[in-house]
């Protein structure tokens, strides 16, 4: 596997430099990726819980005798 690289551009001179990432930069990149994965999983779980709660609420309203149109009107 090749070492990841960074591309740096000096906006004043227009000089572009490509260099390998340092060990610290690679470790930070991996830590950031792990943190993102955890945050994404938490967000997905929260969205699934919200969808399940909404479906449960709609089912309870239907059990009370409300029509689909009435439930939709309440959901707005």
PDB file of N, CA and C in Angstrom:
ATOM      1  N   UNK A   1       0.846  -1.183   0.000  1.00  0.00           N
ATOM      2  CA  UNK A   1       0.000   0.000   0.000  1.00  0.00           C
ATOM      3  C   UNK A   1       0.886   1.238   0.000  1.00  0.00           C
ATOM      4  N   UNK A   2       0.519   2.200  -0.777  1.00  0.00           N
ATOM      5  CA  UNK A   2       1.308   3.423  -0.834  1.00  0.00           C
ATOM      6  C   UNK A   2       0.915   4.357   0.299  1.00  0.00           C
ATOM      7  N   UNK A   3       1.834   5.214   0.648  1.00  0.00           N
ATOM      8  CA  UNK A   3       1.580   6.191   1.694  1.00  0.00           C
ATOM      9  C   UNK A   3       0.680   7.293   1.138  1.00  0.00           C
ATOM     10  N   UNK A   4      -0.358   7.683   1.880  1.00  0.00           N
ATOM     11  CA  UNK A   4      -1.216   8.777   1.420  1.00  0.00           C
ATOM     12  C   UNK A   4      -0.398  10.063   1.244  1.00  0.00           C
ATOM     13  N   UNK A   5      -0.850  10.901   0.345  1.00  0.00           N
ATOM     14  CA  UNK A   5      -0.130  12.143   0.080  1.00  0.00           C
ATOM     15  C   UNK A   5      -1.014  13.344   0.352  1.00  0.00           C
ATOM     16  N   UNK A   6      -0.355  14.461   0.528  1.00  0.00           N
ATOM     17  CA  UNK A   6      -1.035  15.749   0.680  1.00  0.00           C
ATOM     18  C   UNK A   6      -0.570  16.642  -0.459  1.00  0.00           C
ATOM     19  N   UNK A   7      -1.479  17.400  -0.977  1.00  0.00           N
ATOM     20  CA  UNK A   7      -1.138  18.373  -2.022  1.00  0.00           C
ATOM     21  C   UNK A   7      -1.311  19.751  -1.417  1.00  0.00           C
ATOM     22  N   UNK A   8      -0.240  20.518  -1.435  1.00  0.00           N
ATOM     23  CA  UNK A   8      -0.261  21.864  -0.878  1.00  0.00           C
ATOM     24  C   UNK A   8      -0.042  22.855  -2.007  1.00  0.00           C
ATOM     25  N   UNK A   9      -0.851  23.912  -2.008  1.00  0.00           N
ATOM     26  CA  UNK A   9      -0.710  24.942  -3.032  1.00  0.00           C
ATOM     27  C   UNK A   9      -0.485  26.285  -2.370  1.00  0.00           C
ATOM     28  N   UNK A  10       0.560  26.949  -2.786  1.00  0.00           N
ATOM     29  CA  UNK A  10       0.844  28.301  -2.321  1.00  0.00           C
ATOM     30  C   UNK A  10       0.064  29.233  -3.236  1.00  0.00           C
ATOM     31  N   UNK A  11      -0.954  29.869  -2.707  1.00  0.00           N
ATOM     32  CA  UNK A  11      -1.815  30.723  -3.528  1.00  0.00           C
ATOM     33  C   UNK A  11      -1.105  31.977  -4.014  1.00  0.00           C
ATOM     34  N   UNK A  12      -0.084  32.404  -3.307  1.00  0.00           N
ATOM     35  CA  UNK A  12       0.654  33.589  -3.717  1.00  0.00           C
ATOM     36  C   UNK A  12       1.531  33.312  -4.928  1.00  0.00           C
ATOM     37  N   UNK A  13       2.261  32.186  -4.868  1.00  0.00           N
ATOM     38  CA  UNK A  13       3.201  31.875  -5.952  1.00  0.00           C
ATOM     39  C   UNK A  13       2.627  30.909  -6.972  1.00  0.00           C
ATOM     40  N   UNK A  14       1.564  30.199  -6.607  1.00  0.00           N
ATOM     41  CA  UNK A  14       1.001  29.199  -7.506  1.00  0.00           C
ATOM     42  C   UNK A  14       1.770  27.888  -7.471  1.00  0.00           C
ATOM     43  N   UNK A  15       2.756  27.780  -6.596  1.00  0.00           N
ATOM     44  CA  UNK A  15       3.563  26.571  -6.504  1.00  0.00           C
ATOM     45  C   UNK A  15       2.745  25.446  -5.855  1.00  0.00           C
ATOM     46  N   UNK A  16       2.764  24.259  -6.466  1.00  0.00           N
ATOM     47  CA  UNK A  16       2.050  23.096  -5.969  1.00  0.00           C
ATOM     48  C   UNK A  16       3.080  22.074  -5.511  1.00  0.00           C
ATOM     49  N   UNK A  17       2.906  21.586  -4.281  1.00  0.00           N
ATOM     50  CA  UNK A  17       3.823  20.611  -3.713  1.00  0.00           C
ATOM     51  C   UNK A  17       3.030  19.391  -3.293  1.00  0.00           C
ATOM     52  N   UNK A  18       3.506  18.223  -3.702  1.00  0.00           N
ATOM     53  CA  UNK A  18       2.889  16.968  -3.270  1.00  0.00           C
ATOM     54  C   UNK A  18       3.886  16.259  -2.358  1.00  0.00           C
ATOM     55  N   UNK A  19       3.404  15.852  -1.175  1.00  0.00           N
ATOM     56  CA  UNK A  19       4.284  15.202  -0.214  1.00  0.00           C
ATOM     57  C   UNK A  19       3.537  14.088   0.486  1.00  0.00           C
ATOM     58  N   UNK A  20       4.294  13.140   1.044  1.00  0.00           N
ATOM     59  CA  UNK A  20       3.685  12.063   1.809  1.00  0.00           C
ATOM     60  C   UNK A  20       3.240  12.592   3.164  1.00  0.00           C
ATOM     61  N   UNK A  21       2.135  12.034   3.671  1.00  0.00           N
ATOM     62  CA  UNK A  21       1.658  12.425   4.990  1.00  0.00           C
ATOM     63  C   UNK A  21       2.611  11.891   6.052  1.00  0.00           C
ATOM     64  N   UNK A  22       2.718  12.631   7.138  1.00  0.00           N
ATOM     65  CA  UNK A  22       3.537  12.182   8.265  1.00  0.00           C
ATOM     66  C   UNK A  22       2.751  11.129   9.049  1.00  0.00           C
ATOM     67  N   UNK A  23       3.436  10.439   9.939  1.00  0.00           N
ATOM     68  CA  UNK A  23       2.771   9.431  10.773  1.00  0.00           C
ATOM     69  C   UNK A  23       1.670  10.077  11.616  1.00  0.00           C
ATOM     70  N   UNK A  24       1.922  11.268  12.117  1.00  0.00           N
ATOM     71  CA  UNK A  24       0.914  11.970  12.919  1.00  0.00           C
ATOM     72  C   UNK A  24      -0.311  12.320  12.077  1.00  0.00           C
ATOM     73  N   UNK A  25      -0.082  12.742  10.842  1.00  0.00           N
ATOM     74  CA  UNK A  25      -1.200  13.089   9.961  1.00  0.00           C
ATOM     75  C   UNK A  25      -2.010  11.844   9.596  1.00  0.00           C
ATOM     76  N   UNK A  26      -1.331  10.733   9.381  1.00  0.00           N
ATOM     77  CA  UNK A  26      -2.034   9.486   9.071  1.00  0.00           C
ATOM     78  C   UNK A  26      -2.850   9.037  10.275  1.00  0.00           C
ATOM     79  N   UNK A  27      -2.278   9.128  11.473  1.00  0.00           N
ATOM     80  CA  UNK A  27      -3.004   8.752  12.691  1.00  0.00           C
ATOM     81  C   UNK A  27      -4.228   9.646  12.880  1.00  0.00           C
ATOM     82  N   UNK A  28      -4.093  10.935  12.635  1.00  0.00           N
ATOM     83  CA  UNK A  28      -5.219  11.863  12.765  1.00  0.00           C
ATOM     84  C   UNK A  28      -6.297  11.538  11.739  1.00  0.00           C
ATOM     85  N   UNK A  29      -5.873  11.217  10.536  1.00  0.00           N
ATOM     86  CA  UNK A  29      -6.820  10.866   9.472  1.00  0.00           C
ATOM     87  C   UNK A  29      -7.615   9.627   9.869  1.00  0.00           C
ATOM     88  N   UNK A  30      -6.939   8.617  10.432  1.00  0.00           N
ATOM     89  CA  UNK A  30      -7.613   7.397  10.861  1.00  0.00           C
ATOM     90  C   UNK A  30      -8.546   7.668  12.041  1.00  0.00           C
ATOM     91  N   UNK A  31      -8.122   8.510  12.972  1.00  0.00           N
ATOM     92  CA  UNK A  31      -8.973   8.867  14.111  1.00  0.00           C
ATOM     93  C   UNK A  31     -10.215   9.617  13.634  1.00  0.00           C
ATOM     94  N   UNK A  32     -10.037  10.519  12.682  1.00  0.00           N
ATOM     95  CA  UNK A  32     -11.174  11.264  12.139  1.00  0.00           C
ATOM     96  C   UNK A  32     -12.150  10.324  11.438  1.00  0.00           C
ATOM     97  N   UNK A  33     -11.625   9.347  10.688  1.00  0.00           N
ATOM     98  CA  UNK A  33     -12.480   8.399   9.985  1.00  0.00           C
ATOM     99  C   UNK A  33     -13.264   7.543  10.980  1.00  0.00           C
ATOM    100  N   UNK A  34     -12.616   7.124  12.060  1.00  0.00           N
ATOM    101  CA  UNK A  34     -13.298   6.328  13.083  1.00  0.00           C
ATOM    102  C   UNK A  34     -14.380   7.152  13.778  1.00  0.00           C
ATOM    103  N   UNK A  35     -14.077   8.397  14.096  1.00  0.00           N
ATOM    104  CA  UNK A  35     -15.058   9.269  14.749  1.00  0.00           C
ATOM    105  C   UNK A  35     -16.256   9.514  13.835  1.00  0.00           C
ATOM    106  N   UNK A  36     -15.991   9.682  12.538  1.00  0.00           N
ATOM    107  CA  UNK A  36     -17.079   9.879  11.578  1.00  0.00           C
ATOM    108  C   UNK A  36     -17.962   8.632  11.529  1.00  0.00           C
ATOM    109  N   UNK A  37     -17.341   7.448  11.518  1.00  0.00           N
ATOM    110  CA  UNK A  37     -18.115   6.209  11.456  1.00  0.00           C
ATOM    111  C   UNK A  37     -19.027   6.071  12.667  1.00  0.00           C
ATOM    112  N   UNK A  38     -18.527   6.413  13.845  1.00  0.00           N
ATOM    113  CA  UNK A  38     -19.339   6.354  15.062  1.00  0.00           C
ATOM    114  C   UNK A  38     -20.488   7.357  14.976  1.00  0.00           C
ATOM    115  N   UNK A  39     -20.179   8.594  14.581  1.00  0.00           N
ATOM    116  CA  UNK A  39     -21.209   9.630  14.485  1.00  0.00           C
ATOM    117  C   UNK A  39     -22.274   9.246  13.455  1.00  0.00           C
ATOM    118  N   UNK A  40     -21.848   8.691  12.322  1.00  0.00           N
ATOM    119  CA  UNK A  40     -22.782   8.285  11.271  1.00  0.00           C
ATOM    120  C   UNK A  40     -23.681   7.166  11.770  1.00  0.00           C
ATOM    121  N   UNK A  41     -23.119   6.193  12.500  1.00  0.00           N
ATOM    122  CA  UNK A  41     -23.915   5.093  13.041  1.00  0.00           C
ATOM    123  C   UNK A  41     -24.942   5.611  14.037  1.00  0.00           C
ATOM    124  N   UNK A  42     -24.546   6.577  14.877  1.00  0.00           N
ATOM    125  CA  UNK A  42     -25.477   7.163  15.844  1.00  0.00           C
ATOM    126  C   UNK A  42     -26.608   7.907  15.130  1.00  0.00           C
ATOM    127  N   UNK A  43     -26.271   8.652  14.085  1.00  0.00           N
ATOM    128  CA  UNK A  43     -27.288   9.383  13.330  1.00  0.00           C
ATOM    129  C   UNK A  43     -28.246   8.423  12.637  1.00  0.00           C
ATOM    130  N   UNK A  44     -27.703   7.338  12.066  1.00  0.00           N
ATOM    131  CA  UNK A  44     -28.547   6.343  11.403  1.00  0.00           C
ATOM    132  C   UNK A  44     -29.484   5.674  12.405  1.00  0.00           C
ATOM    133  N   UNK A  45     -28.961   5.345  13.577  1.00  0.00           N
ATOM    134  CA  UNK A  45     -29.785   4.714  14.613  1.00  0.00           C
ATOM    135  C   UNK A  45     -30.890   5.658  15.076  1.00  0.00           C
ATOM    136  N   UNK A  46     -30.563   6.935  15.219  1.00  0.00           N
ATOM    137  CA  UNK A  46     -31.569   7.913  15.635  1.00  0.00           C
ATOM    138  C   UNK A  46     -32.653   8.066  14.565  1.00  0.00           C
ATOM    139  N   UNK A  47     -32.260   8.060  13.301  1.00  0.00           N
ATOM    140  CA  UNK A  47     -33.237   8.175  12.214  1.00  0.00           C
ATOM    141  C   UNK A  47     -34.137   6.944  12.171  1.00  0.00           C
ATOM    142  N   UNK A  48     -33.546   5.768  12.378  1.00  0.00           N
ATOM    143  CA  UNK A  48     -34.349   4.545  12.397  1.00  0.00           C
ATOM    144  C   UNK A  48     -35.317   4.548  13.583  1.00  0.00           C
ATOM    145  N   UNK A  49     -34.869   5.018  14.736  1.00  0.00           N
ATOM    146  CA  UNK A  49     -35.736   5.084  15.912  1.00  0.00           C
ATOM    147  C   UNK A  49     -36.889   6.059  15.677  1.00  0.00           C
ATOM    148  N   UNK A  50     -36.603   7.175  15.045  1.00  0.00           N
ATOM    149  CA  UNK A  50     -37.650   8.152  14.756  1.00  0.00           C
ATOM    150  C   UNK A  50     -38.673   7.580  13.777  1.00  0.00           C
ATOM    151  N   UNK A  51     -38.185   6.864  12.766  1.00  0.00           N
ATOM    152  CA  UNK A  51     -39.095   6.259  11.790  1.00  0.00           C
ATOM    153  C   UNK A  51     -39.960   5.192  12.456  1.00  0.00           C
ATOM    154  N   UNK A  52     -39.361   4.409  13.355  1.00  0.00           N
ATOM    155  CA  UNK A  52     -40.121   3.379  14.065  1.00  0.00           C
ATOM    156  C   UNK A  52     -41.166   4.010  14.983  1.00  0.00           C
ATOM    157  N   UNK A  53     -40.805   5.091  15.646  1.00  0.00           N
ATOM    158  CA  UNK A  53     -41.754   5.781  16.523  1.00  0.00           C
ATOM    159  C   UNK A  53     -42.909   6.365  15.716  1.00  0.00           C
ATOM    160  N   UNK A  54     -42.599   6.906  14.557  1.00  0.00           N
ATOM    161  CA  UNK A  54     -43.647   7.473  13.708  1.00  0.00           C
ATOM    162  C   UNK A  54     -44.593   6.370  13.233  1.00  0.00           C
ATOM    163  N   UNK A  55     -44.030   5.249  12.797  1.00  0.00           N
ATOM    164  CA  UNK A  55     -44.859   4.136  12.338  1.00  0.00           C
ATOM    165  C   UNK A  55     -45.719   3.596  13.471  1.00  0.00           C
ATOM    166  N   UNK A  56     -45.145   3.508  14.666  1.00  0.00           N
ATOM    167  CA  UNK A  56     -45.896   3.036  15.830  1.00  0.00           C
ATOM    168  C   UNK A  56     -47.047   3.981  16.145  1.00  0.00           C
ATOM    169  N   UNK A  57     -46.767   5.263  16.104  1.00  0.00           N
ATOM    170  CA  UNK A  57     -47.817   6.250  16.372  1.00  0.00           C
ATOM    171  C   UNK A  57     -48.927   6.189  15.347  1.00  0.00           C
ATOM    172  N   UNK A  58     -48.564   6.018  14.090  1.00  0.00           N
ATOM    173  CA  UNK A  58     -49.579   5.925  13.045  1.00  0.00           C
ATOM    174  C   UNK A  58     -50.410   4.654  13.202  1.00  0.00           C
ATOM    175  N   UNK A  59     -49.757   3.561  13.611  1.00  0.00           N
ATOM    176  CA  UNK A  59     -50.492   2.317  13.829  1.00  0.00           C
ATOM    177  C   UNK A  59     -51.477   2.463  14.987  1.00  0.00           C
ATOM    178  N   UNK A  60     -51.074   3.162  16.024  1.00  0.00           N
ATOM    179  CA  UNK A  60     -51.955   3.380  17.172  1.00  0.00           C
ATOM    180  C   UNK A  60     -53.151   4.254  16.780  1.00  0.00           C
ATOM    181  N   UNK A  61     -52.900   5.258  15.949  1.00  0.00           N
ATOM    182  CA  UNK A  61     -54.011   6.094  15.481  1.00  0.00           C
ATOM    183  C   UNK A  61     -54.969   5.284  14.616  1.00  0.00           C
ATOM    184  N   UNK A  62     -54.413   4.420  13.779  1.00  0.00           N
ATOM    185  CA  UNK A  62     -55.264   3.573  12.942  1.00  0.00           C
ATOM    186  C   UNK A  62     -56.085   2.617  13.811  1.00  0.00           C
ATOM    187  N   UNK A  63     -55.473   2.118  14.893  1.00  0.00           N
ATOM    188  CA  UNK A  63     -56.198   1.218  15.796  1.00  0.00           C
ATOM    189  C   UNK A  63     -57.352   1.939  16.492  1.00  0.00           C
ATOM    190  N   UNK A  64     -57.238   3.243  16.632  1.00  0.00           N
ATOM    191  CA  UNK A  64     -58.317   4.028  17.229  1.00  0.00           C
ATOM    192  C   UNK A  64     -59.440   4.319  16.243  1.00  0.00           C
ATOM    193  N   UNK A  65     -59.222   3.944  14.969  1.00  0.00           N
ATOM    194  CA  UNK A  65     -60.262   4.116  13.970  1.00  0.00           C
ATOM    195  C   UNK A  65     -60.048   5.269  13.013  1.00  0.00           C
ATOM    196  N   UNK A  66     -58.920   5.950  13.079  1.00  0.00           N
ATOM    197  CA  UNK A  66     -58.667   7.040  12.141  1.00  0.00           C
ATOM    198  C   UNK A  66     -58.327   6.472  10.768  1.00  0.00           C
ATOM    199  N   UNK A  67     -58.744   7.194   9.732  1.00  0.00           N
ATOM    200  CA  UNK A  67     -58.420   6.776   8.370  1.00  0.00           C
ATOM    201  C   UNK A  67     -57.000   7.230   8.026  1.00  0.00           C
ATOM    202  N   UNK A  68     -56.485   6.687   6.931  1.00  0.00           N
ATOM    203  CA  UNK A  68     -55.143   7.065   6.485  1.00  0.00           C
ATOM    204  C   UNK A  68     -55.078   8.555   6.182  1.00  0.00           C
ATOM    205  N   UNK A  69     -56.142   9.121   5.623  1.00  0.00           N
ATOM    206  CA  UNK A  69     -56.166  10.557   5.323  1.00  0.00           C
ATOM    207  C   UNK A  69     -56.151  11.391   6.602  1.00  0.00           C
ATOM    208  N   UNK A  70     -56.870  10.953   7.616  1.00  0.00           N
ATOM    209  CA  UNK A  70     -56.887  11.663   8.886  1.00  0.00           C
ATOM    210  C   UNK A  70     -55.524  11.603   9.572  1.00  0.00           C
ATOM    211  N   UNK A  71     -54.889  10.431   9.513  1.00  0.00           N
ATOM    212  CA  UNK A  71     -53.555  10.300  10.094  1.00  0.00           C
ATOM    213  C   UNK A  71     -52.567  11.181   9.353  1.00  0.00           C
ATOM    214  N   UNK A  72     -52.657  11.224   8.023  1.00  0.00           N
ATOM    215  CA  UNK A  72     -51.761  12.069   7.230  1.00  0.00           C
ATOM    216  C   UNK A  72     -51.971  13.548   7.565  1.00  0.00           C
ATOM    217  N   UNK A  73     -53.230  13.931   7.788  1.00  0.00           N
ATOM    218  CA  UNK A  73     -53.515  15.325   8.125  1.00  0.00           C
ATOM    219  C   UNK A  73     -52.923  15.695   9.490  1.00  0.00           C
ATOM    220  N   UNK A  74     -52.912  14.761  10.411  1.00  0.00           N
ATOM    221  CA  UNK A  74     -52.337  15.026  11.727  1.00  0.00           C
ATOM    222  C   UNK A  74     -50.810  15.064  11.674  1.00  0.00           C
ATOM    223  N   UNK A  75     -50.236  14.386  10.724  1.00  0.00           N
ATOM    224  CA  UNK A  75     -48.780  14.289  10.622  1.00  0.00           C
ATOM    225  C   UNK A  75     -48.134  15.533  10.032  1.00  0.00           C
ATOM    226  N   UNK A  76     -48.929  16.383   9.464  1.00  0.00           N
ATOM    227  CA  UNK A  76     -48.367  17.572   8.804  1.00  0.00           C
ATOM    228  C   UNK A  76     -47.982  18.618   9.796  1.00  0.00           C
TER     229      UNK A  76
END
